[in-house]
């Protein structure tokens, strides 16, 4: 679970979207 969290955080940073909203988008894209 920790690894997945890191991936989401990295995608969030690249996404440029709010870290609160990005996580959901990242999970859906994955």
PDB file of N, CA and C in Angstrom:
ATOM      1  N   UNK A   1       0.846  -1.195   0.000  1.00  0.00           N
ATOM      2  CA  UNK A   1       0.000   0.000   0.000  1.00  0.00           C
ATOM      3  C   UNK A   1       0.886   1.251   0.000  1.00  0.00           C
ATOM      4  N   UNK A   2       1.985   1.183   0.694  1.00  0.00           N
ATOM      5  CA  UNK A   2       2.869   2.375   0.736  1.00  0.00           C
ATOM      6  C   UNK A   2       3.394   2.691  -0.668  1.00  0.00           C
ATOM      7  N   UNK A   3       3.756   1.671  -1.411  1.00  0.00           N
ATOM      8  CA  UNK A   3       4.290   1.897  -2.769  1.00  0.00           C
ATOM      9  C   UNK A   3       3.222   2.567  -3.629  1.00  0.00           C
ATOM     10  N   UNK A   4       2.010   2.072  -3.531  1.00  0.00           N
ATOM     11  CA  UNK A   4       0.924   2.643  -4.343  1.00  0.00           C
ATOM     12  C   UNK A   4       0.752   4.122  -3.987  1.00  0.00           C
ATOM     13  N   UNK A   5       0.819   4.419  -2.699  1.00  0.00           N
ATOM     14  CA  UNK A   5       0.643   5.812  -2.266  1.00  0.00           C
ATOM     15  C   UNK A   5       1.715   6.691  -2.910  1.00  0.00           C
ATOM     16  N   UNK A   6       2.942   6.190  -2.955  1.00  0.00           N
ATOM     17  CA  UNK A   6       4.044   6.973  -3.533  1.00  0.00           C
ATOM     18  C   UNK A   6       3.767   7.229  -5.009  1.00  0.00           C
ATOM     19  N   UNK A   7       3.308   6.200  -5.719  1.00  0.00           N
ATOM     20  CA  UNK A   7       3.029   6.359  -7.156  1.00  0.00           C
ATOM     21  C   UNK A   7       1.953   7.436  -7.346  1.00  0.00           C
ATOM     22  N   UNK A   8       0.918   7.376  -6.533  1.00  0.00           N
ATOM     23  CA  UNK A   8      -0.168   8.361  -6.651  1.00  0.00           C
ATOM     24  C   UNK A   8       0.387   9.763  -6.391  1.00  0.00           C
ATOM     25  N   UNK A   9       1.232   9.872  -5.358  1.00  0.00           N
ATOM     26  CA  UNK A   9       1.791  11.194  -5.032  1.00  0.00           C
ATOM     27  C   UNK A   9       2.624  11.707  -6.201  1.00  0.00           C
ATOM     28  N   UNK A  10       3.435  10.843  -6.793  1.00  0.00           N
ATOM     29  CA  UNK A  10       4.287  11.276  -7.919  1.00  0.00           C
ATOM     30  C   UNK A  10       3.407  11.708  -9.086  1.00  0.00           C
ATOM     31  N   UNK A  11       2.397  10.911  -9.398  1.00  0.00           N
ATOM     32  CA  UNK A  11       1.497  11.263 -10.516  1.00  0.00           C
ATOM     33  C   UNK A  11       0.804  12.582 -10.188  1.00  0.00           C
ATOM     34  N   UNK A  12       0.424  12.737  -8.930  1.00  0.00           N
ATOM     35  CA  UNK A  12      -0.260  13.967  -8.516  1.00  0.00           C
ATOM     36  C   UNK A  12       0.635  15.173  -8.802  1.00  0.00           C
ATOM     37  N   UNK A  13       1.889  15.062  -8.456  1.00  0.00           N
ATOM     38  CA  UNK A  13       2.814  16.181  -8.668  1.00  0.00           C
ATOM     39  C   UNK A  13       2.945  16.475 -10.162  1.00  0.00           C
ATOM     40  N   UNK A  14       3.023  15.431 -10.966  1.00  0.00           N
ATOM     41  CA  UNK A  14       3.168  15.646 -12.423  1.00  0.00           C
ATOM     42  C   UNK A  14       1.854  16.159 -13.005  1.00  0.00           C
ATOM     43  N   UNK A  15       0.742  15.677 -12.443  1.00  0.00           N
ATOM     44  CA  UNK A  15      -0.574  16.101 -12.934  1.00  0.00           C
ATOM     45  C   UNK A  15      -0.707  17.619 -12.759  1.00  0.00           C
ATOM     46  N   UNK A  16      -0.199  18.120 -11.649  1.00  0.00           N
ATOM     47  CA  UNK A  16      -0.306  19.554 -11.394  1.00  0.00           C
ATOM     48  C   UNK A  16      -1.656  19.894 -10.781  1.00  0.00           C
ATOM     49  N   UNK A  17      -2.472  18.860 -10.526  1.00  0.00           N
ATOM     50  CA  UNK A  17      -3.797  19.123  -9.924  1.00  0.00           C
ATOM     51  C   UNK A  17      -3.689  19.025  -8.398  1.00  0.00           C
ATOM     52  N   UNK A  18      -4.647  19.556  -7.714  1.00  0.00           N
ATOM     53  CA  UNK A  18      -4.625  19.504  -6.239  1.00  0.00           C
ATOM     54  C   UNK A  18      -4.286  18.093  -5.760  1.00  0.00           C
ATOM     55  N   UNK A  19      -3.404  17.972  -4.792  1.00  0.00           N
ATOM     56  CA  UNK A  19      -3.007  16.655  -4.274  1.00  0.00           C
ATOM     57  C   UNK A  19      -4.235  15.931  -3.702  1.00  0.00           C
ATOM     58  N   UNK A  20      -5.295  16.686  -3.380  1.00  0.00           N
ATOM     59  CA  UNK A  20      -6.493  16.064  -2.797  1.00  0.00           C
ATOM     60  C   UNK A  20      -7.359  15.458  -3.900  1.00  0.00           C
ATOM     61  N   UNK A  21      -7.399  16.095  -5.049  1.00  0.00           N
ATOM     62  CA  UNK A  21      -8.254  15.600  -6.135  1.00  0.00           C
ATOM     63  C   UNK A  21      -7.471  14.670  -7.058  1.00  0.00           C
ATOM     64  N   UNK A  22      -6.203  14.953  -7.239  1.00  0.00           N
ATOM     65  CA  UNK A  22      -5.369  14.140  -8.137  1.00  0.00           C
ATOM     66  C   UNK A  22      -5.436  12.652  -7.792  1.00  0.00           C
ATOM     67  N   UNK A  23      -5.274  12.266  -6.546  1.00  0.00           N
ATOM     68  CA  UNK A  23      -5.273  10.849  -6.164  1.00  0.00           C
ATOM     69  C   UNK A  23      -6.401  10.082  -6.827  1.00  0.00           C
ATOM     70  N   UNK A  24      -7.589  10.616  -6.833  1.00  0.00           N
ATOM     71  CA  UNK A  24      -8.718   9.904  -7.448  1.00  0.00           C
ATOM     72  C   UNK A  24      -8.499   9.760  -8.953  1.00  0.00           C
ATOM     73  N   UNK A  25      -8.071  10.809  -9.601  1.00  0.00           N
ATOM     74  CA  UNK A  25      -7.836  10.757 -11.055  1.00  0.00           C
ATOM     75  C   UNK A  25      -6.731   9.752 -11.368  1.00  0.00           C
ATOM     76  N   UNK A  26      -5.678   9.774 -10.583  1.00  0.00           N
ATOM     77  CA  UNK A  26      -4.550   8.863 -10.823  1.00  0.00           C
ATOM     78  C   UNK A  26      -5.015   7.415 -10.706  1.00  0.00           C
ATOM     79  N   UNK A  27      -5.806   7.121  -9.702  1.00  0.00           N
ATOM     80  CA  UNK A  27      -6.275   5.730  -9.512  1.00  0.00           C
ATOM     81  C   UNK A  27      -7.124   5.323 -10.718  1.00  0.00           C
ATOM     82  N   UNK A  28      -7.971   6.204 -11.189  1.00  0.00           N
ATOM     83  CA  UNK A  28      -8.846   5.863 -12.337  1.00  0.00           C
ATOM     84  C   UNK A  28      -7.992   5.657 -13.592  1.00  0.00           C
ATOM     85  N   UNK A  29      -6.990   6.493 -13.797  1.00  0.00           N
ATOM     86  CA  UNK A  29      -6.135   6.362 -15.011  1.00  0.00           C
ATOM     87  C   UNK A  29      -5.370   5.044 -14.940  1.00  0.00           C
ATOM     88  N   UNK A  30      -4.881   4.696 -13.753  1.00  0.00           N
ATOM     89  CA  UNK A  30      -4.098   3.462 -13.605  1.00  0.00           C
ATOM     90  C   UNK A  30      -5.026   2.295 -13.902  1.00  0.00           C
TER      91      UNK A  30
END
